[in-house]
Amino acid sequence: MMLDLFDGQDPNIIAPPVTLHPNFLTQRQQQLLLNEVSDYPLTKIEIEVFGKKHLIPRTQAWFGDDGCDCKYSKTLINPLPWPPMLAKLRQTLINRCQLNFNAVLVNHYKDGHDCMGWHSDDEPEIIAGSAIASITLGACRDFVVRHKASQQKVTYTPFSGDLIIMAPGMQQTWQHALPKRLSITQPRVNFTFRLITPDFYRR
C-alpha cells in the first residue's frame, strides 16, 4: 500500500517517490531481529569533513553477499556474512515486494542524539535505477526527504516494524535525513537494503 500525503494539496507540490508499508513485520519478527542485532559488531566509522576527521553519530554494520563492498568516506568496507534473521528478512522482501537486494547497512541510534545528516544513497557501487528498502525497529523517529531542486521537504514517521521503499531513481533527485530528536530516549535500529554491483571495488 502507498501512504498518500498529497490528496487535495497544491498541485505544484512534488510527491516523493516513497511508499510506506505499515506493520510490515510482526511483533515476533521484530523481537527476533532485535535479539540478533545485539550480537552484531556495530562500530562508529570515522569520516573526513572539510579536512577534519569525526566519528559518525551512530553505530553501524555492513552485511552482504561476497564482493558487495561499499566505500564510506574513502574507507572500503567488506561485507560481513548474512546472519540468519537478516537473511530471512531479505528473503521476505524478495517474496513480498519482488525486490532483490544483496547488501544491507544496519544503523543503530542509541537515542535521539544520534542522527543522520542530509544525503542520497547514490554511491557508485549501488546499481543505478534500483530501489532501496528501509525497515525500522524501535523508537519512532522522523524520516525527512528533501527535493534537491525545490528544497521541498516531506516528513514520514515510521513506527517499529514499518517498511519504507524509496523507488528507483529517487536518489538522483531527493535527499533524506534522520534529524536529532533530543526528547527520544529509546534506541532505533534501521536496515537499509541495497542492490550492489558485485566486485565493484575489486576490478
C-alpha atoms as a PDB file:
ATOM      1  CA  MET A   1       0.000   0.000   0.000  1.00  0.00           C
ATOM      2  CA  MET A   2       1.100   3.586  -0.518  1.00  0.00           C
ATOM      3  CA  LEU A   3       0.567   6.291   2.043  1.00  0.00           C
ATOM      4  CA  ASP A   4      -0.661   9.275   0.036  1.00  0.00           C
ATOM      5  CA  LEU A   5       0.085  12.539   1.841  1.00  0.00           C
ATOM      6  CA  PHE A   6      -0.854  14.810  -1.027  1.00  0.00           C
ATOM      7  CA  ASP A   7      -4.585  14.416  -1.745  1.00  0.00           C
ATOM      8  CA  GLY A   8      -6.233  17.821  -2.058  1.00  0.00           C
ATOM      9  CA  GLN A   9      -2.998  19.775  -1.759  1.00  0.00           C
ATOM     10  CA  ASP A  10      -1.305  22.279  -4.042  1.00  0.00           C
ATOM     11  CA  PRO A  11      -0.711  20.611  -7.443  1.00  0.00           C
ATOM     12  CA  ASN A  12       2.739  22.233  -7.521  1.00  0.00           C
ATOM     13  CA  ILE A  13       3.834  20.052  -4.623  1.00  0.00           C
ATOM     14  CA  ILE A  14       6.149  17.296  -5.803  1.00  0.00           C
ATOM     15  CA  ALA A  15       5.186  13.924  -4.363  1.00  0.00           C
ATOM     16  CA  PRO A  16       8.255  11.976  -3.214  1.00  0.00           C
ATOM     17  CA  PRO A  17       8.674   8.539  -4.830  1.00  0.00           C
ATOM     18  CA  VAL A  18       8.282   6.915  -1.409  1.00  0.00           C
ATOM     19  CA  THR A  19       5.905   4.182  -0.236  1.00  0.00           C
ATOM     20  CA  LEU A  20       5.259   3.475   3.423  1.00  0.00           C
ATOM     21  CA  HIS A  21       4.128  -0.036   4.367  1.00  0.00           C
ATOM     22  CA  PRO A  22       2.908  -0.076   7.998  1.00  0.00           C
ATOM     23  CA  ASN A  23       3.258  -3.222  10.107  1.00  0.00           C
ATOM     24  CA  PHE A  24       5.451  -4.976   7.561  1.00  0.00           C
ATOM     25  CA  LEU A  25       6.973  -7.081  10.352  1.00  0.00           C
ATOM     26  CA  THR A  26       5.102  -8.829  13.143  1.00  0.00           C
ATOM     27  CA  GLN A  27       5.988  -8.246  16.791  1.00  0.00           C
ATOM     28  CA  ARG A  28       7.674 -11.662  16.898  1.00  0.00           C
ATOM     29  CA  GLN A  29       9.763 -10.935  13.794  1.00  0.00           C
ATOM     30  CA  GLN A  30      10.806  -7.609  15.279  1.00  0.00           C
ATOM     31  CA  GLN A  31      11.876  -9.208  18.549  1.00  0.00           C
ATOM     32  CA  LEU A  32      13.863 -11.939  16.814  1.00  0.00           C
ATOM     33  CA  LEU A  33      15.702  -9.320  14.775  1.00  0.00           C
ATOM     34  CA  LEU A  34      16.387  -7.153  17.824  1.00  0.00           C
ATOM     35  CA  ASN A  35      17.776 -10.176  19.659  1.00  0.00           C
ATOM     36  CA  GLU A  36      20.121 -10.822  16.745  1.00  0.00           C
ATOM     37  CA  VAL A  37      21.155  -7.153  16.436  1.00  0.00           C
ATOM     38  CA  SER A  38      22.546  -7.318  19.977  1.00  0.00           C
ATOM     39  CA  ASP A  39      25.237  -9.656  18.598  1.00  0.00           C
ATOM     40  CA  TYR A  40      26.169  -7.504  15.581  1.00  0.00           C
ATOM     41  CA  PRO A  41      29.675  -5.956  15.590  1.00  0.00           C
ATOM     42  CA  LEU A  42      28.328  -2.404  15.458  1.00  0.00           C
ATOM     43  CA  THR A  43      31.035   0.270  15.230  1.00  0.00           C
ATOM     44  CA  LYS A  44      31.421   4.010  14.714  1.00  0.00           C
ATOM     45  CA  ILE A  45      33.038   4.857  11.388  1.00  0.00           C
ATOM     46  CA  GLU A  46      35.465   7.772  11.135  1.00  0.00           C
ATOM     47  CA  ILE A  47      34.712  10.208   8.331  1.00  0.00           C
ATOM     48  CA  GLU A  48      36.528  13.246   6.998  1.00  0.00           C
ATOM     49  CA  VAL A  49      34.608  16.514   6.603  1.00  0.00           C
ATOM     50  CA  PHE A  50      36.404  19.633   5.343  1.00  0.00           C
ATOM     51  CA  GLY A  51      39.739  18.082   6.218  1.00  0.00           C
ATOM     52  CA  LYS A  52      38.772  17.145   9.770  1.00  0.00           C
ATOM     53  CA  LYS A  53      38.042  13.631  10.998  1.00  0.00           C
ATOM     54  CA  HIS A  54      34.914  12.858  13.006  1.00  0.00           C
ATOM     55  CA  LEU A  55      33.152   9.771  14.312  1.00  0.00           C
ATOM     56  CA  ILE A  56      29.650   9.353  12.907  1.00  0.00           C
ATOM     57  CA  PRO A  57      26.799   9.940  15.430  1.00  0.00           C
ATOM     58  CA  ARG A  58      25.561   6.336  15.366  1.00  0.00           C
ATOM     59  CA  THR A  59      26.952   2.804  15.109  1.00  0.00           C
ATOM     60  CA  GLN A  60      26.628   0.577  12.073  1.00  0.00           C
ATOM     61  CA  ALA A  61      27.473  -2.707  10.375  1.00  0.00           C
ATOM     62  CA  TRP A  62      27.556  -3.765   6.709  1.00  0.00           C
ATOM     63  CA  PHE A  63      26.317  -7.206   5.625  1.00  0.00           C
ATOM     64  CA  GLY A  64      26.022  -8.697   2.156  1.00  0.00           C
ATOM     65  CA  ASP A  65      26.968 -11.217  -0.462  1.00  0.00           C
ATOM     66  CA  ASP A  66      30.643 -11.796  -1.170  1.00  0.00           C
ATOM     67  CA  GLY A  67      32.109  -8.958  -3.239  1.00  0.00           C
ATOM     68  CA  CYS A  68      29.423  -6.439  -2.247  1.00  0.00           C
ATOM     69  CA  ASP A  69      31.838  -3.935  -0.750  1.00  0.00           C
ATOM     70  CA  CYS A  70      30.904  -0.339  -0.026  1.00  0.00           C
ATOM     71  CA  LYS A  71      33.020   2.763   0.331  1.00  0.00           C
ATOM     72  CA  TYR A  72      32.226   5.176   3.155  1.00  0.00           C
ATOM     73  CA  SER A  73      34.178   8.448   3.224  1.00  0.00           C
ATOM     74  CA  LYS A  74      37.179   6.872   1.451  1.00  0.00           C
ATOM     75  CA  THR A  75      37.055   3.776   3.696  1.00  0.00           C
ATOM     76  CA  LEU A  76      36.430   0.468   1.905  1.00  0.00           C
ATOM     77  CA  ILE A  77      34.156  -1.814   3.920  1.00  0.00           C
ATOM     78  CA  ASN A  78      33.895  -5.515   3.138  1.00  0.00           C
ATOM     79  CA  PRO A  79      30.553  -7.186   3.836  1.00  0.00           C
ATOM     80  CA  LEU A  80      30.019  -9.436   6.810  1.00  0.00           C
ATOM     81  CA  PRO A  81      28.167 -12.689   6.055  1.00  0.00           C
ATOM     82  CA  TRP A  82      24.393 -12.651   6.437  1.00  0.00           C
ATOM     83  CA  PRO A  83      23.176 -13.504   9.965  1.00  0.00           C
ATOM     84  CA  PRO A  84      20.200 -15.919   9.996  1.00  0.00           C
ATOM     85  CA  MET A  85      17.375 -13.479  10.792  1.00  0.00           C
ATOM     86  CA  LEU A  86      18.729 -10.804   8.474  1.00  0.00           C
ATOM     87  CA  ALA A  87      18.913 -13.361   5.663  1.00  0.00           C
ATOM     88  CA  LYS A  88      15.267 -14.241   6.332  1.00  0.00           C
ATOM     89  CA  LEU A  89      14.329 -10.571   6.219  1.00  0.00           C
ATOM     90  CA  ARG A  90      15.983 -10.211   2.820  1.00  0.00           C
ATOM     91  CA  GLN A  91      14.034 -13.220   1.565  1.00  0.00           C
ATOM     92  CA  THR A  92      10.817 -11.712   2.917  1.00  0.00           C
ATOM     93  CA  LEU A  93      11.454  -8.550   0.886  1.00  0.00           C
ATOM     94  CA  ILE A  94      12.073 -10.654  -2.209  1.00  0.00           C
ATOM     95  CA  ASN A  95       8.906 -12.703  -1.704  1.00  0.00           C
ATOM     96  CA  ARG A  96       6.502  -9.946  -0.663  1.00  0.00           C
ATOM     97  CA  CYS A  97       7.816  -6.935  -2.580  1.00  0.00           C
ATOM     98  CA  GLN A  98       9.529  -8.583  -5.578  1.00  0.00           C
ATOM     99  CA  LEU A  99      12.651  -6.576  -4.783  1.00  0.00           C
ATOM    100  CA  ASN A 100      16.109  -8.112  -4.950  1.00  0.00           C
ATOM    101  CA  PHE A 101      18.894  -6.951  -2.633  1.00  0.00           C
ATOM    102  CA  ASN A 102      22.403  -8.251  -1.983  1.00  0.00           C
ATOM    103  CA  ALA A 103      23.580  -5.976   0.847  1.00  0.00           C
ATOM    104  CA  VAL A 104      22.247  -4.097   3.854  1.00  0.00           C
ATOM    105  CA  LEU A 105      23.513  -1.270   6.055  1.00  0.00           C
ATOM    106  CA  VAL A 106      22.416  -1.585   9.683  1.00  0.00           C
ATOM    107  CA  ASN A 107      22.377   1.685  11.632  1.00  0.00           C
ATOM    108  CA  HIS A 108      21.864   1.778  15.402  1.00  0.00           C
ATOM    109  CA  TYR A 109      20.791   5.060  17.001  1.00  0.00           C
ATOM    110  CA  LYS A 110      21.115   4.808  20.775  1.00  0.00           C
ATOM    111  CA  ASP A 111      18.698   7.709  21.371  1.00  0.00           C
ATOM    112  CA  GLY A 112      17.540  10.978  19.845  1.00  0.00           C
ATOM    113  CA  HIS A 113      21.037  12.464  19.990  1.00  0.00           C
ATOM    114  CA  ASP A 114      22.219  10.019  17.320  1.00  0.00           C
ATOM    115  CA  CYS A 115      21.285  11.114  13.826  1.00  0.00           C
ATOM    116  CA  MET A 116      21.944  11.023  10.073  1.00  0.00           C
ATOM    117  CA  GLY A 117      22.527  14.172   8.025  1.00  0.00           C
ATOM    118  CA  TRP A 118      21.232  15.027   4.566  1.00  0.00           C
ATOM    119  CA  HIS A 119      22.447  12.613   1.908  1.00  0.00           C
ATOM    120  CA  SER A 120      21.453  10.468  -1.057  1.00  0.00           C
ATOM    121  CA  ASP A 121      22.217   6.776  -1.357  1.00  0.00           C
ATOM    122  CA  ASP A 122      23.859   7.272  -4.740  1.00  0.00           C
ATOM    123  CA  GLU A 123      27.262   5.689  -4.224  1.00  0.00           C
ATOM    124  CA  PRO A 124      28.781   4.351  -7.458  1.00  0.00           C
ATOM    125  CA  GLU A 125      28.649   0.731  -6.295  1.00  0.00           C
ATOM    126  CA  ILE A 126      24.841   0.880  -5.990  1.00  0.00           C
ATOM    127  CA  ILE A 127      23.222  -0.317  -9.216  1.00  0.00           C
ATOM    128  CA  ALA A 128      21.673   2.699 -10.935  1.00  0.00           C
ATOM    129  CA  GLY A 129      17.897   2.666 -11.027  1.00  0.00           C
ATOM    130  CA  SER A 130      17.495   0.182  -8.177  1.00  0.00           C
ATOM    131  CA  ALA A 131      15.085   0.640  -5.280  1.00  0.00           C
ATOM    132  CA  ILE A 132      16.177   0.967  -1.653  1.00  0.00           C
ATOM    133  CA  ALA A 133      14.201  -0.551   1.216  1.00  0.00           C
ATOM    134  CA  SER A 134      14.360   0.817   4.763  1.00  0.00           C
ATOM    135  CA  ILE A 135      12.957  -1.056   7.769  1.00  0.00           C
ATOM    136  CA  THR A 136      12.675   0.491  11.225  1.00  0.00           C
ATOM    137  CA  LEU A 137      12.777  -1.208  14.626  1.00  0.00           C
ATOM    138  CA  GLY A 138      12.416   0.518  17.974  1.00  0.00           C
ATOM    139  CA  ALA A 139      11.782   4.210  18.566  1.00  0.00           C
ATOM    140  CA  CYS A 140       9.633   6.192  16.150  1.00  0.00           C
ATOM    141  CA  ARG A 141      11.802   8.888  14.545  1.00  0.00           C
ATOM    142  CA  ASP A 142      11.145  11.453  11.831  1.00  0.00           C
ATOM    143  CA  PHE A 143      12.411  10.398   8.401  1.00  0.00           C
ATOM    144  CA  VAL A 144      12.634  13.530   6.267  1.00  0.00           C
ATOM    145  CA  VAL A 145      13.064  13.709   2.490  1.00  0.00           C
ATOM    146  CA  ARG A 146      14.049  16.864   0.590  1.00  0.00           C
ATOM    147  CA  HIS A 147      13.819  17.573  -3.123  1.00  0.00           C
ATOM    148  CA  LYS A 148      17.231  18.652  -4.393  1.00  0.00           C
ATOM    149  CA  ALA A 149      15.970  21.347  -6.771  1.00  0.00           C
ATOM    150  CA  SER A 150      12.979  22.855  -4.938  1.00  0.00           C
ATOM    151  CA  GLN A 151      14.155  22.114  -1.361  1.00  0.00           C
ATOM    152  CA  GLN A 152      10.614  20.935  -0.597  1.00  0.00           C
ATOM    153  CA  LYS A 153      10.554  18.689   2.485  1.00  0.00           C
ATOM    154  CA  VAL A 154       8.223  15.865   3.479  1.00  0.00           C
ATOM    155  CA  THR A 155       8.360  14.113   6.856  1.00  0.00           C
ATOM    156  CA  TYR A 156       7.423  10.473   7.476  1.00  0.00           C
ATOM    157  CA  THR A 157       7.170   8.901  10.928  1.00  0.00           C
ATOM    158  CA  PRO A 158       7.684   5.145  10.527  1.00  0.00           C
ATOM    159  CA  PHE A 159       6.851   3.049  13.562  1.00  0.00           C
ATOM    160  CA  SER A 160       8.638  -0.102  14.647  1.00  0.00           C
ATOM    161  CA  GLY A 161       8.130  -2.799  12.025  1.00  0.00           C
ATOM    162  CA  ASP A 162       7.264  -0.380   9.206  1.00  0.00           C
ATOM    163  CA  LEU A 163       8.871  -0.536   5.765  1.00  0.00           C
ATOM    164  CA  ILE A 164       9.733   2.422   3.550  1.00  0.00           C
ATOM    165  CA  ILE A 165      10.607   1.840  -0.105  1.00  0.00           C
ATOM    166  CA  MET A 166      12.447   4.555  -1.986  1.00  0.00           C
ATOM    167  CA  ALA A 167      11.644   3.994  -5.645  1.00  0.00           C
ATOM    168  CA  PRO A 168      14.202   3.626  -8.438  1.00  0.00           C
ATOM    169  CA  GLY A 169      15.623   7.000  -9.434  1.00  0.00           C
ATOM    170  CA  MET A 170      14.756   8.746  -6.164  1.00  0.00           C
ATOM    171  CA  GLN A 171      18.378   9.110  -5.056  1.00  0.00           C
ATOM    172  CA  GLN A 172      19.147  11.264  -8.076  1.00  0.00           C
ATOM    173  CA  THR A 173      16.512  13.911  -7.231  1.00  0.00           C
ATOM    174  CA  TRP A 174      15.931  13.639  -3.463  1.00  0.00           C
ATOM    175  CA  GLN A 175      17.928  13.553  -0.239  1.00  0.00           C
ATOM    176  CA  HIS A 176      16.875  12.117   3.108  1.00  0.00           C
ATOM    177  CA  ALA A 177      17.880  12.526   6.748  1.00  0.00           C
ATOM    178  CA  LEU A 178      17.163  11.381  10.290  1.00  0.00           C
ATOM    179  CA  PRO A 179      17.403  14.591  12.362  1.00  0.00           C
ATOM    180  CA  LYS A 180      18.164  14.776  16.066  1.00  0.00           C
ATOM    181  CA  ARG A 181      15.177  14.492  18.391  1.00  0.00           C
ATOM    182  CA  LEU A 182      16.520  15.129  21.879  1.00  0.00           C
ATOM    183  CA  SER A 183      13.290  14.062  23.583  1.00  0.00           C
ATOM    184  CA  ILE A 184      13.736  10.499  22.280  1.00  0.00           C
ATOM    185  CA  THR A 185      15.404   8.271  24.887  1.00  0.00           C
ATOM    186  CA  GLN A 186      14.877   4.865  23.264  1.00  0.00           C
ATOM    187  CA  PRO A 187      17.090   3.234  20.615  1.00  0.00           C
ATOM    188  CA  ARG A 188      16.232   2.835  16.951  1.00  0.00           C
ATOM    189  CA  VAL A 189      17.612   0.286  14.503  1.00  0.00           C
ATOM    190  CA  ASN A 190      17.336   0.742  10.759  1.00  0.00           C
ATOM    191  CA  PHE A 191      18.033  -1.756   7.982  1.00  0.00           C
ATOM    192  CA  THR A 192      18.697  -0.163   4.574  1.00  0.00           C
ATOM    193  CA  PHE A 193      18.741  -2.778   1.826  1.00  0.00           C
ATOM    194  CA  ARG A 194      20.580  -2.045  -1.422  1.00  0.00           C
ATOM    195  CA  LEU A 195      21.474  -3.727  -4.707  1.00  0.00           C
ATOM    196  CA  ILE A 196      25.243  -3.548  -5.186  1.00  0.00           C
ATOM    197  CA  THR A 197      27.403  -4.252  -8.228  1.00  0.00           C
ATOM    198  CA  PRO A 198      29.429  -7.306  -7.113  1.00  0.00           C
ATOM    199  CA  ASP A 199      33.211  -6.848  -7.113  1.00  0.00           C
ATOM    200  CA  PHE A 200      32.846  -3.150  -7.998  1.00  0.00           C
ATOM    201  CA  TYR A 201      35.974  -2.276  -5.999  1.00  0.00           C
ATOM    202  CA  ARG A 202      37.870  -5.479  -6.824  1.00  0.00           C
ATOM    203  CA  ARG A 203      38.339  -4.952 -10.540  1.00  0.00           C
END
